[in-house]
Amino acid sequence: MQFTNYFFASIISFLGLIAGIVLVRIAPEEQKPLERYFISARKIFLFLIFIFIIFYYFNNPFYLLVLLIYLAFLLFVEYKIEDLFRKSMIICTALGILFFLSSKNINLFAIESSLIFLYGLPTASLMYARKEKNEHKVIFYNIGFVIVANLLFFV
């Protein structure tokens, strides 16, 4: 895969956060009733991201073990860290690694990119609504995804 395609795919996946902010700004009155669904959607998308990548690496026991440990770490982060900004920063940076791992197979890459985009929608909606409504802070805290994903391409 060429770097330009990979780079723009990572940017498009990252734009899920911007779309989540736009979603909250368009309909702020719907934020409170939908908050529990956004929380559930984040967990479901995170789980689906791992399910698809684990199915791809199922035949390689080493990668499978590493991915399961990685999943356990991210589930620990998801359920034990209360600060949504910190939690999102750690998970989005970790998703950059999974984004890179999925680039070996173009079909898996398309699925993972889409799921990361969809993960960004409820994440940004929750982050934007909970704090001081600063979209720059939401983007800044999650830019680690793009940085890690693109740095790994050159390693």
Protein backbone atom coordinates (compact mmCIF):
# COMPACT_ATOMS: atom_id res chain seq x y z
CA MET A 1 0.00 0.00 0.00
CA GLN A 2 1.27 3.45 -0.85
CA PHE A 3 1.80 5.94 1.92
CA THR A 4 -0.59 8.52 0.45
CA ASN A 5 -3.47 6.04 0.50
CA TYR A 6 -2.56 4.94 4.00
CA PHE A 7 -2.19 8.53 5.24
CA PHE A 8 -5.53 9.69 3.85
CA ALA A 9 -7.26 6.57 5.23
CA SER A 10 -5.89 7.43 8.68
CA ILE A 11 -7.12 11.02 8.33
CA ILE A 12 -10.58 9.85 7.23
CA SER A 13 -10.75 7.45 10.19
CA PHE A 14 -9.75 10.28 12.49
CA LEU A 15 -12.50 12.50 11.06
CA GLY A 16 -15.03 10.41 12.99
CA LEU A 17 -14.18 12.66 15.92
CA ILE A 18 -14.99 15.78 13.90
CA ALA A 19 -18.23 14.18 12.74
CA GLY A 20 -19.12 13.44 16.38
CA ILE A 21 -18.56 17.08 17.30
CA VAL A 22 -20.71 18.19 14.37
CA LEU A 23 -23.40 15.75 15.50
CA VAL A 24 -23.52 17.34 18.96
CA ARG A 25 -23.46 20.88 17.61
CA ILE A 26 -26.36 20.17 15.24
CA ALA A 27 -28.57 18.55 17.87
CA PRO A 28 -27.34 19.43 21.39
CA GLU A 29 -30.76 18.73 22.87
CA GLU A 30 -30.43 15.07 21.89
CA GLN A 31 -27.14 14.63 23.72
CA LYS A 32 -28.54 13.89 27.17
CA PRO A 33 -31.17 11.30 26.10
CA LEU A 34 -28.64 9.51 23.87
CA GLU A 35 -25.72 9.50 26.30
CA ARG A 36 -26.17 5.91 27.45
CA TYR A 37 -26.42 4.77 23.83
CA PHE A 38 -23.20 6.60 22.98
CA ILE A 39 -21.46 4.86 25.87
CA SER A 40 -22.74 1.49 24.68
CA ALA A 41 -21.79 2.26 21.07
CA ARG A 42 -18.20 3.07 22.10
CA LYS A 43 -17.86 -0.29 23.82
CA ILE A 44 -19.47 -2.19 20.96
CA PHE A 45 -17.26 -0.56 18.32
CA LEU A 46 -14.14 -1.18 20.39
CA PHE A 47 -15.11 -4.82 20.73
CA LEU A 48 -15.85 -5.14 16.99
CA ILE A 49 -12.49 -3.59 16.10
CA PHE A 50 -10.78 -6.34 18.06
CA ILE A 51 -13.04 -9.13 16.82
CA PHE A 52 -12.22 -8.45 13.17
CA ILE A 53 -8.49 -8.12 13.71
CA ILE A 54 -8.39 -11.24 15.91
CA PHE A 55 -10.17 -13.23 13.20
CA TYR A 56 -7.50 -12.15 10.72
CA TYR A 57 -4.61 -13.14 12.99
CA PHE A 58 -6.34 -16.27 14.30
CA ASN A 59 -3.89 -18.68 12.60
CA ASN A 60 -0.82 -17.04 14.15
CA PRO A 61 -0.74 -17.94 17.87
CA PHE A 62 1.83 -15.27 18.79
CA TYR A 63 -0.15 -12.41 17.25
CA LEU A 64 -3.35 -13.82 18.69
CA LEU A 65 -1.88 -13.86 22.20
CA VAL A 66 -0.51 -10.32 21.83
CA LEU A 67 -3.87 -9.06 20.54
CA LEU A 68 -5.74 -10.70 23.43
CA ILE A 69 -3.37 -9.09 25.93
CA TYR A 70 -3.84 -5.81 24.08
CA LEU A 71 -7.62 -6.23 24.30
CA ALA A 72 -7.39 -6.93 28.02
CA PHE A 73 -5.34 -3.75 28.49
CA LEU A 74 -7.82 -1.62 26.56
CA LEU A 75 -10.77 -3.11 28.41
CA PHE A 76 -8.99 -2.28 31.66
CA VAL A 77 -8.55 1.29 30.43
CA GLU A 78 -12.17 1.48 29.29
CA TYR A 79 -13.63 0.33 32.61
CA LYS A 80 -11.15 1.65 35.20
CA ILE A 81 -10.23 5.15 34.03
CA GLU A 82 -12.95 7.67 34.81
CA ASP A 83 -11.61 10.70 32.92
CA LEU A 84 -13.01 10.43 29.40
CA PHE A 85 -10.27 12.59 27.89
CA ARG A 86 -7.48 10.42 29.29
CA LYS A 87 -9.33 7.24 28.40
CA SER A 88 -9.89 8.42 24.86
CA MET A 89 -6.28 9.51 24.46
CA ILE A 90 -4.98 6.06 25.44
CA ILE A 91 -7.50 4.14 23.36
CA CYS A 92 -7.11 6.26 20.23
CA THR A 93 -3.33 5.90 20.39
CA ALA A 94 -3.75 2.16 20.74
CA LEU A 95 -6.15 2.14 17.80
CA GLY A 96 -3.35 3.64 15.72
CA ILE A 97 -1.39 0.43 16.26
CA LEU A 98 -4.37 -1.71 15.27
CA PHE A 99 -4.90 0.49 12.23
CA PHE A 100 -1.34 -0.27 11.15
CA LEU A 101 -1.74 -4.01 11.79
CA SER A 102 -4.84 -4.09 9.64
CA SER A 103 -3.03 -2.55 6.66
CA LYS A 104 -1.60 -5.95 5.70
CA ASN A 105 -4.97 -6.98 4.25
CA ILE A 106 -6.95 -4.45 2.21
CA ASN A 107 -10.34 -5.90 3.19
CA LEU A 108 -9.49 -5.88 6.89
CA PHE A 109 -8.07 -2.38 6.46
CA ALA A 110 -11.37 -1.11 5.04
CA ILE A 111 -13.34 -2.70 7.88
CA GLU A 112 -11.00 -1.41 10.60
CA SER A 113 -10.89 2.09 9.12
CA SER A 114 -14.67 2.22 9.07
CA LEU A 115 -15.00 0.93 12.61
CA ILE A 116 -12.46 3.44 13.91
CA PHE A 117 -14.42 6.20 12.17
CA LEU A 118 -17.62 4.93 13.79
CA TYR A 119 -15.86 4.67 17.17
CA GLY A 120 -14.98 8.36 16.89
CA LEU A 121 -18.59 9.48 16.52
CA PRO A 122 -19.87 8.60 20.01
CA THR A 123 -16.48 9.29 21.61
CA ALA A 124 -16.35 12.87 20.39
CA SER A 125 -20.01 13.40 21.19
CA LEU A 126 -19.45 12.35 24.79
CA MET A 127 -16.22 14.30 25.18
CA TYR A 128 -17.63 17.48 23.68
CA ALA A 129 -20.73 17.41 25.83
CA ARG A 130 -19.01 16.65 29.14
CA LYS A 131 -16.31 19.28 29.26
CA GLU A 132 -16.18 22.94 28.36
CA LYS A 133 -17.31 22.32 24.77
CA ASN A 134 -13.88 22.89 23.26
CA GLU A 135 -13.54 20.99 20.00
CA HIS A 136 -9.84 21.82 19.76
CA LYS A 137 -9.23 19.95 23.00
CA VAL A 138 -11.11 16.89 21.71
CA ILE A 139 -9.01 16.84 18.54
CA PHE A 140 -5.74 17.51 20.38
CA TYR A 141 -6.26 14.70 22.88
CA ASN A 142 -6.85 12.16 20.11
CA ILE A 143 -4.31 13.21 17.50
CA GLY A 144 -2.10 10.39 18.78
CA PHE A 145 -4.04 8.04 16.53
CA VAL A 146 -2.83 9.75 13.35
CA ILE A 147 0.71 10.20 14.65
CA VAL A 148 1.16 6.58 15.77
CA ALA A 149 -0.54 5.10 12.72
CA ASN A 150 1.63 7.06 10.30
CA LEU A 151 4.89 6.62 12.20
CA LEU A 152 4.41 2.85 12.24
CA PHE A 153 4.09 2.86 8.46
CA PHE A 154 7.74 3.92 8.18
CA VAL A 155 9.08 1.47 10.77
